[in-house]
Amino acid sequence: MKIHREGNTILTVTLLVLAVLNFGIFFFFDEGPRFPKFAVLGVSVIIFLLFLQFFRYPSRNYSFNENYAIAPCDGKVVAIEQVSENEYFKDKRIQVSIFMSPVNVHINWYPISGRVKYLRYHKGKYLVAWHPKSSTENERTTIVIQKENKIEVLVRQIAGALAKRIVVYPHEGDMVKQCAQLGFIKFGSRVDVLLPLSAKVLVKINDKTTGGMTVLADFT
């Protein structure tokens, strides 16, 4: 299993802490009962495996198609609605929100190819990621990508109650490719995609998405 680079430090530190903890328990409490020591060892293994699967880097056959917006993350569709977007567009957009649980891969991918027209980081709260106000009140990063035909798509990475760090790779002005890596959100979180009203949304509430593969919307 390939591990994403964002997990290298966390996994190394976690492994060292758990190793020291278990070594200390087995060394200093050698005379004690065996069951509690092996219980701690078992829990340590489970914790490390959970971290390992969280930072896994899956091999995928990506869905490249300039007529489509592709899902930017793994997760479940929790909202499809028309909203007033007041940060960048200042008008009505279709918002598709995808919730990522701690067991999902937390890599984020570009839904379209184009130029990064706008990028802003916002400090904020840590409401649960499925909360309706998390889109505007939580810690978040807003990225707007403009296609060659001038269609613009906004991607908003949103921290959740467990997510404490949003990582975003591009800078304003960068040219980016559909299904390339946009960034990473560590632990439970959400991604909103704001589409033109003319886009035809091809997913439904509670649909599971696979980042870089599931088609969210058709622009034709």
Foldseek 3Di string as FASTA:
>chain_A
DAFAPVLPVVLVVLVVVLVVVLVCCCPVVVVDDDVVSVVSVVVSVVVSVLSRQQRHDDDDDFDDDQQFFAFFFWAFWADWDWDQDCPPPRGIWTKTKGWDASNTHFWTWGRHWAFWADKDWDDADAAAASDPCQQPGFGKMWTWGAHPVRFIKIKIWGHHNPWDDWFADDDGGDTDHGGDTGTGTNHITMMMMTGHPQWAADDDGGDTHHRRHHTGTGND
